[in-house]
């Protein structure tokens, strides 16, 4: 680690540093445009792009994630029907509040659907956190470190928002901020992660 990023640690004398010796499997929930990916890259952590996954329903965000990090311009949509394109990207949102309905997706231009499809495949995007199951994150190899990172929408907690709280997940009729509980569910279903990191900006 370069001197630029060295800092004092309260725990340095109590716990040994965790050594990451192989490319990390990054499971970036509520990924946005990939702030956690960027932070790990700055710290010199190599990310296994083939096994890593994101979960991000916002169309602009997951397209940005691919442009910034994955940089995969492959046209995975070749030969796919409109129905196949929609099936892969369902759960996508364009307003950051709720997913597009099937009717709305069917009205989208085919080039938009192809672009959404290509970006979802390129980033291994699971799209909608409410539909993700623990096994969707893939197997955890015994010889490799996985890092699950997550934040959650803070609009319902922020002073600038409606302050409706986060008692219940949006999947159960609650608020967007309540989507945090989906992470607890996924971690319980998955049973273990090498490292889980939470970050939040409100």
N, C-alpha and C. Protein backbone atom coordinates (compact mmCIF):
# COMPACT_ATOMS: atom_id res chain seq x y z
N UNK A 1 0.85 -1.18 0.00
CA UNK A 1 0.00 0.00 0.00
C UNK A 1 0.89 1.24 0.00
N UNK A 2 0.59 2.18 -0.87
CA UNK A 2 1.42 3.38 -0.96
C UNK A 2 1.22 4.26 0.26
N UNK A 3 2.17 5.16 0.51
CA UNK A 3 2.09 6.04 1.67
C UNK A 3 0.85 6.93 1.61
N UNK A 4 0.39 7.22 0.39
CA UNK A 4 -0.79 8.07 0.24
C UNK A 4 -2.00 7.51 0.98
N UNK A 5 -2.10 6.18 1.03
CA UNK A 5 -3.28 5.57 1.61
C UNK A 5 -3.03 4.95 2.98
N UNK A 6 -1.85 5.12 3.53
CA UNK A 6 -1.58 4.57 4.85
C UNK A 6 -2.26 5.42 5.92
N UNK A 7 -2.82 4.77 6.92
CA UNK A 7 -3.45 5.49 8.01
C UNK A 7 -3.36 4.67 9.29
N UNK A 8 -3.53 5.35 10.41
CA UNK A 8 -3.48 4.67 11.69
C UNK A 8 -4.72 3.82 11.88
N UNK A 9 -4.59 2.73 12.59
CA UNK A 9 -5.73 1.86 12.86
C UNK A 9 -5.83 1.60 14.35
N UNK A 10 -7.04 1.69 14.88
CA UNK A 10 -7.26 1.39 16.29
C UNK A 10 -7.07 -0.09 16.56
N UNK A 11 -7.22 -0.92 15.51
CA UNK A 11 -7.21 -2.36 15.69
C UNK A 11 -5.90 -2.99 15.24
N UNK A 12 -4.96 -2.20 14.78
CA UNK A 12 -3.73 -2.73 14.23
C UNK A 12 -2.94 -3.61 15.17
N UNK A 13 -3.00 -3.31 16.46
CA UNK A 13 -2.26 -4.11 17.44
C UNK A 13 -3.03 -5.35 17.87
N UNK A 14 -4.32 -5.38 17.60
CA UNK A 14 -5.16 -6.48 18.07
C UNK A 14 -5.34 -7.58 17.01
N UNK A 15 -5.46 -7.14 15.75
CA UNK A 15 -5.76 -8.10 14.69
C UNK A 15 -4.74 -7.99 13.57
N UNK A 16 -4.33 -9.10 13.02
CA UNK A 16 -3.40 -9.05 11.88
C UNK A 16 -4.11 -8.52 10.65
N UNK A 17 -3.34 -7.94 9.74
CA UNK A 17 -3.91 -7.48 8.48
C UNK A 17 -4.42 -8.67 7.69
N UNK A 18 -5.56 -8.47 7.03
CA UNK A 18 -6.14 -9.52 6.19
C UNK A 18 -5.43 -9.46 4.84
N UNK A 19 -4.74 -10.52 4.48
CA UNK A 19 -3.97 -10.55 3.25
C UNK A 19 -4.83 -11.11 2.11
N UNK A 20 -4.97 -10.36 1.06
CA UNK A 20 -5.68 -10.81 -0.12
C UNK A 20 -4.65 -11.17 -1.17
N UNK A 21 -4.57 -12.45 -1.46
CA UNK A 21 -3.50 -12.93 -2.34
C UNK A 21 -3.97 -13.26 -3.75
N UNK A 22 -5.29 -13.33 -3.96
CA UNK A 22 -5.82 -13.67 -5.27
C UNK A 22 -6.86 -12.64 -5.68
N UNK A 23 -7.21 -12.60 -6.97
CA UNK A 23 -8.27 -11.67 -7.38
C UNK A 23 -9.54 -11.89 -6.57
N UNK A 24 -10.15 -10.81 -6.16
CA UNK A 24 -11.33 -10.84 -5.30
C UNK A 24 -12.61 -10.99 -6.13
N UNK A 25 -13.55 -11.77 -5.60
CA UNK A 25 -14.90 -11.82 -6.17
C UNK A 25 -15.68 -10.69 -5.51
N UNK A 26 -16.02 -9.67 -6.28
CA UNK A 26 -16.75 -8.52 -5.75
C UNK A 26 -18.23 -8.66 -6.05
N UNK A 27 -19.04 -8.64 -5.01
CA UNK A 27 -20.50 -8.73 -5.13
C UNK A 27 -21.04 -7.39 -4.67
N UNK A 28 -21.31 -6.52 -5.62
CA UNK A 28 -21.60 -5.11 -5.32
C UNK A 28 -23.11 -4.85 -5.42
N UNK A 29 -23.78 -4.88 -4.28
CA UNK A 29 -25.22 -4.65 -4.23
C UNK A 29 -25.50 -3.14 -4.21
N UNK A 30 -26.62 -2.72 -4.80
CA UNK A 30 -26.91 -1.30 -4.97
C UNK A 30 -25.67 -0.63 -5.56
N UNK A 31 -25.20 -1.17 -6.66
CA UNK A 31 -23.86 -0.85 -7.18
C UNK A 31 -23.69 0.58 -7.66
N UNK A 32 -24.77 1.21 -8.12
CA UNK A 32 -24.61 2.54 -8.70
C UNK A 32 -23.64 2.46 -9.87
N UNK A 33 -22.70 3.39 -9.93
CA UNK A 33 -21.70 3.37 -11.00
C UNK A 33 -20.39 2.74 -10.52
N UNK A 34 -20.41 2.13 -9.33
CA UNK A 34 -19.26 1.33 -8.90
C UNK A 34 -18.25 2.02 -8.00
N UNK A 35 -18.71 2.73 -6.99
CA UNK A 35 -17.79 3.42 -6.07
C UNK A 35 -16.92 2.42 -5.31
N UNK A 36 -17.50 1.28 -4.91
CA UNK A 36 -16.73 0.29 -4.17
C UNK A 36 -15.69 -0.36 -5.07
N UNK A 37 -16.05 -0.63 -6.30
CA UNK A 37 -15.11 -1.17 -7.28
C UNK A 37 -13.92 -0.23 -7.43
N UNK A 38 -14.22 1.05 -7.57
CA UNK A 38 -13.17 2.07 -7.73
C UNK A 38 -12.27 2.13 -6.50
N UNK A 39 -12.86 2.11 -5.31
CA UNK A 39 -12.07 2.19 -4.08
C UNK A 39 -11.12 1.01 -3.96
N UNK A 40 -11.61 -0.19 -4.24
CA UNK A 40 -10.75 -1.37 -4.16
C UNK A 40 -9.63 -1.32 -5.20
N UNK A 41 -9.96 -0.82 -6.38
CA UNK A 41 -8.94 -0.70 -7.43
C UNK A 41 -7.84 0.27 -7.02
N UNK A 42 -8.23 1.39 -6.40
CA UNK A 42 -7.24 2.37 -5.92
C UNK A 42 -6.32 1.75 -4.89
N UNK A 43 -6.88 0.86 -4.06
CA UNK A 43 -6.08 0.19 -3.03
C UNK A 43 -5.24 -0.97 -3.59
N UNK A 44 -5.35 -1.19 -4.88
CA UNK A 44 -4.53 -2.22 -5.51
C UNK A 44 -5.11 -3.61 -5.47
N UNK A 45 -6.40 -3.72 -5.14
CA UNK A 45 -7.05 -5.02 -5.10
C UNK A 45 -7.47 -5.42 -6.52
N UNK A 46 -7.05 -6.59 -6.95
CA UNK A 46 -7.44 -7.09 -8.26
C UNK A 46 -8.81 -7.77 -8.16
N UNK A 47 -9.69 -7.46 -9.08
CA UNK A 47 -11.05 -7.98 -9.05
C UNK A 47 -11.25 -9.01 -10.15
N UNK A 48 -11.80 -10.15 -9.77
CA UNK A 48 -12.09 -11.22 -10.72
C UNK A 48 -13.37 -10.86 -11.47
N UNK A 49 -13.24 -10.31 -12.67
CA UNK A 49 -14.40 -9.79 -13.41
C UNK A 49 -15.32 -10.90 -13.90
N UNK A 50 -14.80 -12.10 -14.06
CA UNK A 50 -15.63 -13.19 -14.54
C UNK A 50 -16.60 -13.70 -13.48
N UNK A 51 -16.16 -13.70 -12.21
CA UNK A 51 -16.99 -14.23 -11.13
C UNK A 51 -17.75 -13.14 -10.36
N UNK A 52 -17.33 -11.91 -10.51
CA UNK A 52 -17.96 -10.82 -9.77
C UNK A 52 -19.33 -10.50 -10.35
N UNK A 53 -20.20 -9.93 -9.51
CA UNK A 53 -21.55 -9.57 -9.93
C UNK A 53 -21.93 -8.23 -9.33
N UNK A 54 -22.90 -7.59 -9.97
CA UNK A 54 -23.49 -6.39 -9.38
C UNK A 54 -25.00 -6.58 -9.28
N UNK A 55 -25.62 -5.74 -8.49
CA UNK A 55 -27.08 -5.67 -8.46
C UNK A 55 -27.44 -4.19 -8.50
N UNK A 56 -27.99 -3.76 -9.63
CA UNK A 56 -28.33 -2.34 -9.82
C UNK A 56 -29.49 -2.25 -10.80
N UNK A 57 -30.60 -1.66 -10.39
CA UNK A 57 -31.76 -1.61 -11.27
C UNK A 57 -31.81 -0.35 -12.13
N UNK A 58 -31.05 0.68 -11.80
CA UNK A 58 -31.11 1.94 -12.53
C UNK A 58 -30.35 1.83 -13.86
N UNK A 59 -31.06 1.99 -14.95
CA UNK A 59 -30.50 1.84 -16.29
C UNK A 59 -29.24 2.69 -16.48
N UNK A 60 -29.33 3.99 -16.18
CA UNK A 60 -28.17 4.87 -16.38
C UNK A 60 -26.98 4.45 -15.53
N UNK A 61 -27.25 3.95 -14.34
CA UNK A 61 -26.17 3.55 -13.45
C UNK A 61 -25.45 2.31 -13.94
N UNK A 62 -26.19 1.26 -14.33
CA UNK A 62 -25.48 0.06 -14.75
C UNK A 62 -24.80 0.23 -16.11
N UNK A 63 -25.34 1.11 -16.95
CA UNK A 63 -24.63 1.42 -18.19
C UNK A 63 -23.32 2.16 -17.87
N UNK A 64 -23.39 3.07 -16.90
CA UNK A 64 -22.19 3.79 -16.46
C UNK A 64 -21.17 2.87 -15.84
N UNK A 65 -21.63 1.88 -15.07
CA UNK A 65 -20.74 0.91 -14.43
C UNK A 65 -19.92 0.18 -15.49
N UNK A 66 -20.59 -0.26 -16.53
CA UNK A 66 -19.88 -0.96 -17.60
C UNK A 66 -18.86 -0.04 -18.28
N UNK A 67 -19.26 1.19 -18.56
CA UNK A 67 -18.38 2.13 -19.24
C UNK A 67 -17.14 2.45 -18.41
N UNK A 68 -17.30 2.51 -17.10
CA UNK A 68 -16.19 2.91 -16.22
C UNK A 68 -15.31 1.73 -15.84
N UNK A 69 -15.90 0.59 -15.51
CA UNK A 69 -15.14 -0.52 -14.93
C UNK A 69 -14.99 -1.74 -15.84
N UNK A 70 -16.10 -2.30 -16.27
CA UNK A 70 -16.04 -3.54 -17.04
C UNK A 70 -15.52 -3.29 -18.45
N UNK A 71 -15.98 -2.22 -19.07
CA UNK A 71 -15.54 -1.80 -20.41
C UNK A 71 -15.70 -2.91 -21.45
N UNK A 72 -16.85 -3.57 -21.38
CA UNK A 72 -17.16 -4.66 -22.30
C UNK A 72 -18.15 -4.16 -23.34
N UNK A 73 -17.73 -4.08 -24.59
CA UNK A 73 -18.57 -3.57 -25.67
C UNK A 73 -19.15 -4.68 -26.54
N UNK A 74 -19.08 -5.92 -26.07
CA UNK A 74 -19.60 -7.05 -26.83
C UNK A 74 -21.11 -6.90 -27.04
N UNK A 75 -21.57 -7.25 -28.23
CA UNK A 75 -23.01 -7.23 -28.49
C UNK A 75 -23.58 -8.62 -28.18
N UNK A 76 -23.97 -8.80 -26.94
CA UNK A 76 -24.54 -10.07 -26.50
C UNK A 76 -25.96 -10.25 -27.00
N UNK A 77 -26.56 -9.18 -27.53
CA UNK A 77 -27.96 -9.23 -27.94
C UNK A 77 -28.17 -9.85 -29.32
N UNK A 78 -27.09 -10.11 -30.05
CA UNK A 78 -27.23 -10.67 -31.39
C UNK A 78 -28.01 -11.98 -31.35
N UNK A 79 -29.01 -12.08 -32.20
CA UNK A 79 -29.81 -13.30 -32.29
C UNK A 79 -30.86 -13.45 -31.21
N UNK A 80 -30.95 -12.48 -30.29
CA UNK A 80 -31.94 -12.57 -29.22
C UNK A 80 -33.26 -11.93 -29.65
N UNK A 81 -34.35 -12.56 -29.28
CA UNK A 81 -35.67 -12.00 -29.58
C UNK A 81 -35.97 -10.86 -28.60
N UNK A 82 -36.98 -10.08 -28.92
CA UNK A 82 -37.39 -8.99 -28.03
C UNK A 82 -37.80 -9.55 -26.68
N UNK A 83 -38.48 -10.68 -26.68
CA UNK A 83 -38.92 -11.31 -25.44
C UNK A 83 -37.72 -11.73 -24.58
N UNK A 84 -36.68 -12.25 -25.22
CA UNK A 84 -35.48 -12.66 -24.48
C UNK A 84 -34.76 -11.45 -23.89
N UNK A 85 -34.72 -10.36 -24.64
CA UNK A 85 -34.09 -9.14 -24.13
C UNK A 85 -34.82 -8.64 -22.89
N UNK A 86 -36.14 -8.60 -22.97
CA UNK A 86 -36.95 -8.10 -21.86
C UNK A 86 -36.83 -9.01 -20.64
N UNK A 87 -36.81 -10.30 -20.85
CA UNK A 87 -36.71 -11.25 -19.74
C UNK A 87 -35.43 -11.02 -18.94
N UNK A 88 -34.33 -10.69 -19.63
CA UNK A 88 -33.04 -10.49 -18.94
C UNK A 88 -32.98 -9.18 -18.18
N UNK A 89 -33.67 -8.16 -18.67
CA UNK A 89 -33.53 -6.83 -18.06
C UNK A 89 -34.72 -6.44 -17.20
N UNK A 90 -35.70 -7.34 -17.04
CA UNK A 90 -36.88 -6.96 -16.26
C UNK A 90 -36.48 -6.62 -14.83
N UNK A 91 -37.12 -5.61 -14.30
CA UNK A 91 -36.72 -5.07 -13.00
C UNK A 91 -35.96 -3.77 -13.14
N UNK A 92 -35.57 -3.44 -14.39
CA UNK A 92 -34.85 -2.19 -14.65
C UNK A 92 -35.73 -0.98 -14.35
N UNK A 93 -35.12 0.04 -13.79
CA UNK A 93 -35.82 1.29 -13.48
C UNK A 93 -35.17 2.44 -14.26
N UNK A 94 -35.97 3.39 -14.67
CA UNK A 94 -35.40 4.59 -15.29
C UNK A 94 -35.62 5.83 -14.42
N UNK A 95 -36.38 5.67 -13.35
CA UNK A 95 -36.63 6.82 -12.47
C UNK A 95 -36.11 6.61 -11.05
N UNK A 96 -35.42 5.48 -10.82
CA UNK A 96 -34.81 5.16 -9.52
C UNK A 96 -35.85 4.90 -8.43
N UNK A 97 -37.13 4.84 -8.77
CA UNK A 97 -38.18 4.63 -7.78
C UNK A 97 -38.87 3.29 -7.88
N UNK A 98 -39.18 2.88 -9.11
CA UNK A 98 -39.84 1.61 -9.31
C UNK A 98 -39.42 1.05 -10.67
N UNK A 99 -39.54 -0.27 -10.82
CA UNK A 99 -39.14 -0.87 -12.10
C UNK A 99 -40.14 -0.57 -13.20
N UNK A 100 -39.64 -0.62 -14.43
CA UNK A 100 -40.52 -0.49 -15.59
C UNK A 100 -41.48 -1.68 -15.64
N UNK A 101 -42.70 -1.42 -16.03
CA UNK A 101 -43.66 -2.50 -16.18
C UNK A 101 -43.37 -3.25 -17.48
N UNK A 102 -43.96 -4.42 -17.63
CA UNK A 102 -43.78 -5.19 -18.86
C UNK A 102 -44.29 -4.40 -20.06
N UNK A 103 -45.39 -3.69 -19.89
CA UNK A 103 -45.94 -2.88 -20.97
C UNK A 103 -44.97 -1.76 -21.36
N UNK A 104 -44.36 -1.12 -20.36
CA UNK A 104 -43.40 -0.05 -20.63
C UNK A 104 -42.17 -0.59 -21.35
N UNK A 105 -41.70 -1.77 -20.94
CA UNK A 105 -40.54 -2.37 -21.60
C UNK A 105 -40.86 -2.72 -23.05
N UNK A 106 -42.05 -3.22 -23.30
CA UNK A 106 -42.44 -3.57 -24.66
C UNK A 106 -42.53 -2.36 -25.57
N UNK A 107 -42.76 -1.19 -25.01
CA UNK A 107 -42.84 0.04 -25.79
C UNK A 107 -41.48 0.69 -26.05
N UNK A 108 -40.43 0.18 -25.38
CA UNK A 108 -39.10 0.74 -25.58
C UNK A 108 -38.56 0.36 -26.96
N UNK A 109 -37.79 1.25 -27.58
CA UNK A 109 -37.17 0.93 -28.88
C UNK A 109 -36.24 -0.28 -28.74
N UNK A 110 -36.14 -1.06 -29.80
CA UNK A 110 -35.33 -2.27 -29.75
C UNK A 110 -33.87 -1.96 -29.43
N UNK A 111 -33.35 -0.84 -29.92
CA UNK A 111 -31.95 -0.49 -29.65
C UNK A 111 -31.74 -0.20 -28.16
N UNK A 112 -32.74 0.39 -27.51
CA UNK A 112 -32.65 0.64 -26.06
C UNK A 112 -32.61 -0.70 -25.32
N UNK A 113 -33.48 -1.61 -25.72
CA UNK A 113 -33.52 -2.93 -25.08
C UNK A 113 -32.19 -3.67 -25.28
N UNK A 114 -31.63 -3.57 -26.48
CA UNK A 114 -30.35 -4.24 -26.75
C UNK A 114 -29.23 -3.64 -25.90
N UNK A 115 -29.24 -2.33 -25.76
CA UNK A 115 -28.21 -1.68 -24.95
C UNK A 115 -28.32 -2.08 -23.48
N UNK A 116 -29.56 -2.10 -22.97
CA UNK A 116 -29.78 -2.52 -21.58
C UNK A 116 -29.33 -3.96 -21.39
N UNK A 117 -29.69 -4.83 -22.32
CA UNK A 117 -29.32 -6.24 -22.26
C UNK A 117 -27.80 -6.40 -22.25
N UNK A 118 -27.12 -5.74 -23.19
CA UNK A 118 -25.67 -5.87 -23.28
C UNK A 118 -24.97 -5.41 -22.01
N UNK A 119 -25.44 -4.32 -21.43
CA UNK A 119 -24.83 -3.82 -20.20
C UNK A 119 -25.10 -4.72 -19.01
N UNK A 120 -26.29 -5.31 -18.95
CA UNK A 120 -26.60 -6.24 -17.85
C UNK A 120 -25.74 -7.50 -17.95
N UNK A 121 -25.61 -8.04 -19.15
CA UNK A 121 -24.79 -9.25 -19.32
C UNK A 121 -23.32 -8.94 -19.04
N UNK A 122 -22.83 -7.82 -19.54
CA UNK A 122 -21.42 -7.46 -19.37
C UNK A 122 -21.02 -7.32 -17.91
N UNK A 123 -21.93 -6.78 -17.10
CA UNK A 123 -21.63 -6.52 -15.69
C UNK A 123 -22.11 -7.63 -14.76
N UNK A 124 -22.69 -8.70 -15.33
CA UNK A 124 -23.27 -9.78 -14.53
C UNK A 124 -24.29 -9.20 -13.54
N UNK A 125 -25.15 -8.35 -14.07
CA UNK A 125 -26.09 -7.61 -13.24
C UNK A 125 -27.32 -8.44 -12.89
N UNK A 126 -27.62 -8.52 -11.61
CA UNK A 126 -28.80 -9.23 -11.12
C UNK A 126 -30.04 -8.33 -11.12
N UNK A 127 -29.86 -7.06 -11.38
CA UNK A 127 -30.87 -6.02 -11.61
C UNK A 127 -31.67 -5.63 -10.37
N UNK A 128 -32.61 -6.46 -9.93
CA UNK A 128 -33.54 -6.04 -8.87
C UNK A 128 -33.28 -6.84 -7.59
N UNK A 129 -32.85 -6.15 -6.54
CA UNK A 129 -32.47 -6.78 -5.28
C UNK A 129 -33.61 -7.63 -4.70
N UNK A 130 -34.86 -7.26 -5.00
CA UNK A 130 -36.00 -7.98 -4.45
C UNK A 130 -36.16 -9.37 -5.07
N UNK A 131 -35.55 -9.57 -6.23
CA UNK A 131 -35.64 -10.86 -6.91
C UNK A 131 -34.41 -11.74 -6.70
N UNK A 132 -33.39 -11.21 -6.04
CA UNK A 132 -32.13 -11.93 -5.88
C UNK A 132 -32.23 -12.95 -4.74
N UNK A 133 -31.75 -14.15 -5.00
CA UNK A 133 -31.64 -15.19 -3.98
C UNK A 133 -30.16 -15.40 -3.66
N UNK A 134 -29.88 -15.96 -2.51
CA UNK A 134 -28.50 -16.17 -2.10
C UNK A 134 -27.68 -16.93 -3.12
N UNK A 135 -28.27 -17.96 -3.73
CA UNK A 135 -27.51 -18.78 -4.68
C UNK A 135 -27.22 -18.04 -5.98
N UNK A 136 -27.94 -16.93 -6.24
CA UNK A 136 -27.69 -16.15 -7.46
C UNK A 136 -26.32 -15.49 -7.47
N UNK A 137 -25.73 -15.33 -6.29
CA UNK A 137 -24.42 -14.70 -6.20
C UNK A 137 -23.29 -15.64 -6.56
N UNK A 138 -23.60 -16.90 -6.78
CA UNK A 138 -22.58 -17.86 -7.20
C UNK A 138 -21.91 -18.54 -6.03
N UNK A 139 -21.11 -19.54 -6.37
CA UNK A 139 -20.39 -20.30 -5.34
C UNK A 139 -19.22 -19.48 -4.80
N UNK A 140 -18.87 -19.75 -3.56
CA UNK A 140 -17.73 -19.09 -2.93
C UNK A 140 -16.57 -20.08 -2.85
N UNK A 141 -15.59 -19.98 -3.76
CA UNK A 141 -14.47 -20.91 -3.73
C UNK A 141 -13.71 -20.82 -2.41
N UNK A 142 -13.24 -21.96 -1.92
CA UNK A 142 -12.54 -21.99 -0.64
C UNK A 142 -11.20 -21.27 -0.70
N UNK A 143 -10.64 -21.14 -1.88
CA UNK A 143 -9.32 -20.53 -2.01
C UNK A 143 -9.38 -19.09 -2.52
N UNK A 144 -10.56 -18.49 -2.48
CA UNK A 144 -10.70 -17.14 -3.01
C UNK A 144 -11.53 -16.28 -2.08
N UNK A 145 -11.19 -15.01 -1.99
CA UNK A 145 -11.90 -14.07 -1.13
C UNK A 145 -13.04 -13.41 -1.88
N UNK A 146 -14.21 -13.37 -1.26
CA UNK A 146 -15.31 -12.60 -1.83
C UNK A 146 -15.60 -11.42 -0.90
N UNK A 147 -15.95 -10.30 -1.50
CA UNK A 147 -16.33 -9.11 -0.75
C UNK A 147 -17.72 -8.70 -1.20
N UNK A 148 -18.67 -8.72 -0.29
CA UNK A 148 -20.02 -8.25 -0.59
C UNK A 148 -20.14 -6.83 -0.07
N UNK A 149 -20.41 -5.90 -0.95
CA UNK A 149 -20.56 -4.50 -0.53
C UNK A 149 -22.01 -4.08 -0.75
N UNK A 150 -22.49 -3.21 0.08
CA UNK A 150 -23.87 -2.77 -0.05
C UNK A 150 -24.08 -1.43 0.63
N UNK A 151 -24.97 -0.69 0.07
CA UNK A 151 -25.54 0.50 0.71
C UNK A 151 -27.04 0.33 0.54
N UNK A 152 -27.79 1.37 0.48
CA UNK A 152 -29.22 1.25 0.18
C UNK A 152 -29.76 2.64 -0.06
N UNK A 153 -30.89 2.77 -0.73
CA UNK A 153 -31.46 4.10 -0.97
C UNK A 153 -31.79 4.80 0.35
N UNK A 154 -31.33 6.02 0.49
CA UNK A 154 -31.51 6.71 1.79
C UNK A 154 -32.59 7.78 1.75
N UNK A 155 -33.36 7.84 0.65
CA UNK A 155 -34.34 8.92 0.52
C UNK A 155 -35.33 8.96 1.68
N UNK A 156 -35.67 7.80 2.22
CA UNK A 156 -36.70 7.75 3.26
C UNK A 156 -36.15 8.00 4.66
N UNK A 157 -34.83 8.24 4.73
CA UNK A 157 -34.20 8.59 6.01
C UNK A 157 -33.67 10.01 5.99
N UNK A 158 -33.38 10.52 4.81
CA UNK A 158 -32.76 11.82 4.66
C UNK A 158 -33.67 12.96 5.09
N UNK A 159 -33.08 14.01 5.62
CA UNK A 159 -33.84 15.21 5.98
C UNK A 159 -34.46 15.84 4.74
N UNK A 160 -33.85 15.61 3.59
CA UNK A 160 -34.38 16.16 2.35
C UNK A 160 -35.51 15.31 1.77
N UNK A 161 -35.72 14.13 2.33
CA UNK A 161 -36.76 13.23 1.84
C UNK A 161 -38.02 13.31 2.68
N UNK A 162 -38.87 12.29 2.54
CA UNK A 162 -40.14 12.27 3.26
C UNK A 162 -40.04 11.64 4.64
N UNK A 163 -38.86 11.07 4.95
CA UNK A 163 -38.57 10.50 6.27
C UNK A 163 -39.62 9.46 6.67
N UNK A 164 -39.88 8.52 5.77
CA UNK A 164 -40.87 7.48 6.03
C UNK A 164 -40.26 6.24 6.69
N UNK A 165 -38.96 6.27 6.95
CA UNK A 165 -38.33 5.18 7.67
C UNK A 165 -37.94 4.00 6.81
N UNK A 166 -37.51 2.92 7.49
CA UNK A 166 -37.02 1.74 6.78
C UNK A 166 -37.41 0.47 7.51
N UNK A 167 -38.53 0.48 8.16
CA UNK A 167 -38.93 -0.66 8.98
C UNK A 167 -39.19 -1.91 8.16
N UNK A 168 -39.68 -1.73 6.93
CA UNK A 168 -40.07 -2.87 6.10
C UNK A 168 -39.53 -2.68 4.70
N UNK A 169 -39.11 -3.77 4.08
CA UNK A 169 -38.60 -3.70 2.73
C UNK A 169 -39.67 -3.29 1.74
N UNK A 170 -39.25 -2.63 0.67
CA UNK A 170 -40.17 -2.27 -0.40
C UNK A 170 -40.84 -3.51 -0.97
N UNK A 171 -40.15 -4.64 -0.92
CA UNK A 171 -40.72 -5.90 -1.42
C UNK A 171 -41.97 -6.30 -0.63
N UNK A 172 -42.07 -5.83 0.62
CA UNK A 172 -43.22 -6.16 1.47
C UNK A 172 -44.13 -4.95 1.66
N UNK A 173 -44.03 -3.99 0.74
CA UNK A 173 -44.90 -2.82 0.80
C UNK A 173 -44.31 -1.67 1.57
N UNK A 174 -43.05 -1.76 1.98
CA UNK A 174 -42.40 -0.70 2.73
C UNK A 174 -41.72 0.32 1.83
N UNK A 175 -40.69 0.96 2.35
CA UNK A 175 -40.04 2.06 1.64
C UNK A 175 -38.80 1.57 0.88
N UNK A 176 -38.28 2.47 0.03
CA UNK A 176 -37.04 2.16 -0.68
C UNK A 176 -35.89 1.93 0.30
N UNK A 177 -35.83 2.74 1.35
CA UNK A 177 -34.75 2.58 2.33
C UNK A 177 -34.84 1.23 3.03
N UNK A 178 -36.04 0.69 3.12
CA UNK A 178 -36.22 -0.62 3.73
C UNK A 178 -35.61 -1.75 2.91
N UNK A 179 -35.15 -1.44 1.70
CA UNK A 179 -34.49 -2.46 0.89
C UNK A 179 -33.22 -2.99 1.55
N UNK A 180 -32.72 -2.27 2.56
CA UNK A 180 -31.57 -2.77 3.31
C UNK A 180 -31.82 -4.17 3.84
N UNK A 181 -33.07 -4.47 4.22
CA UNK A 181 -33.38 -5.77 4.80
C UNK A 181 -33.26 -6.90 3.78
N UNK A 182 -33.27 -6.55 2.51
CA UNK A 182 -33.04 -7.57 1.49
C UNK A 182 -31.61 -8.11 1.57
N UNK A 183 -30.68 -7.26 1.99
CA UNK A 183 -29.29 -7.70 2.15
C UNK A 183 -29.20 -8.72 3.28
N UNK A 184 -29.87 -8.45 4.39
CA UNK A 184 -29.88 -9.41 5.50
C UNK A 184 -30.42 -10.76 5.03
N UNK A 185 -31.51 -10.72 4.27
CA UNK A 185 -32.09 -11.95 3.75
C UNK A 185 -31.11 -12.71 2.87
N UNK A 186 -30.45 -12.00 1.97
CA UNK A 186 -29.51 -12.63 1.04
C UNK A 186 -28.32 -13.23 1.78
N UNK A 187 -27.79 -12.50 2.76
CA UNK A 187 -26.65 -13.01 3.54
C UNK A 187 -27.05 -14.27 4.29
N UNK A 188 -28.26 -14.29 4.85
CA UNK A 188 -28.73 -15.49 5.56
C UNK A 188 -28.88 -16.67 4.60
N UNK A 189 -29.39 -16.39 3.42
CA UNK A 189 -29.55 -17.45 2.43
C UNK A 189 -28.20 -17.96 1.94
N UNK A 190 -27.26 -17.05 1.85
CA UNK A 190 -25.94 -17.40 1.31
C UNK A 190 -25.07 -18.07 2.36
N UNK A 191 -25.31 -17.83 3.62
CA UNK A 191 -24.66 -18.45 4.77
C UNK A 191 -23.33 -17.81 5.15
N UNK A 192 -22.50 -17.45 4.18
CA UNK A 192 -21.25 -16.82 4.59
C UNK A 192 -20.64 -16.03 3.45
N UNK A 193 -19.87 -15.03 3.81
CA UNK A 193 -19.05 -14.25 2.89
C UNK A 193 -17.70 -14.09 3.56
N UNK A 194 -16.67 -13.93 2.79
CA UNK A 194 -15.37 -13.66 3.40
C UNK A 194 -15.40 -12.32 4.12
N UNK A 195 -15.93 -11.31 3.44
CA UNK A 195 -15.97 -9.95 3.98
C UNK A 195 -17.27 -9.30 3.52
N UNK A 196 -17.95 -8.57 4.40
CA UNK A 196 -19.10 -7.78 4.00
C UNK A 196 -18.84 -6.33 4.40
N UNK A 197 -19.00 -5.40 3.48
CA UNK A 197 -18.73 -4.00 3.73
C UNK A 197 -19.98 -3.17 3.47
N UNK A 198 -20.30 -2.27 4.41
CA UNK A 198 -21.44 -1.38 4.25
C UNK A 198 -20.95 0.04 4.12
N UNK A 199 -21.52 0.80 3.20
CA UNK A 199 -21.22 2.22 3.10
C UNK A 199 -22.50 2.95 2.79
N UNK A 200 -22.63 4.17 3.27
CA UNK A 200 -23.84 4.92 3.00
C UNK A 200 -23.56 6.42 2.95
N UNK A 201 -24.21 7.06 2.01
CA UNK A 201 -24.16 8.52 1.91
C UNK A 201 -25.58 9.02 2.00
N UNK A 202 -25.85 9.91 2.93
CA UNK A 202 -27.19 10.51 3.04
C UNK A 202 -27.08 12.02 3.08
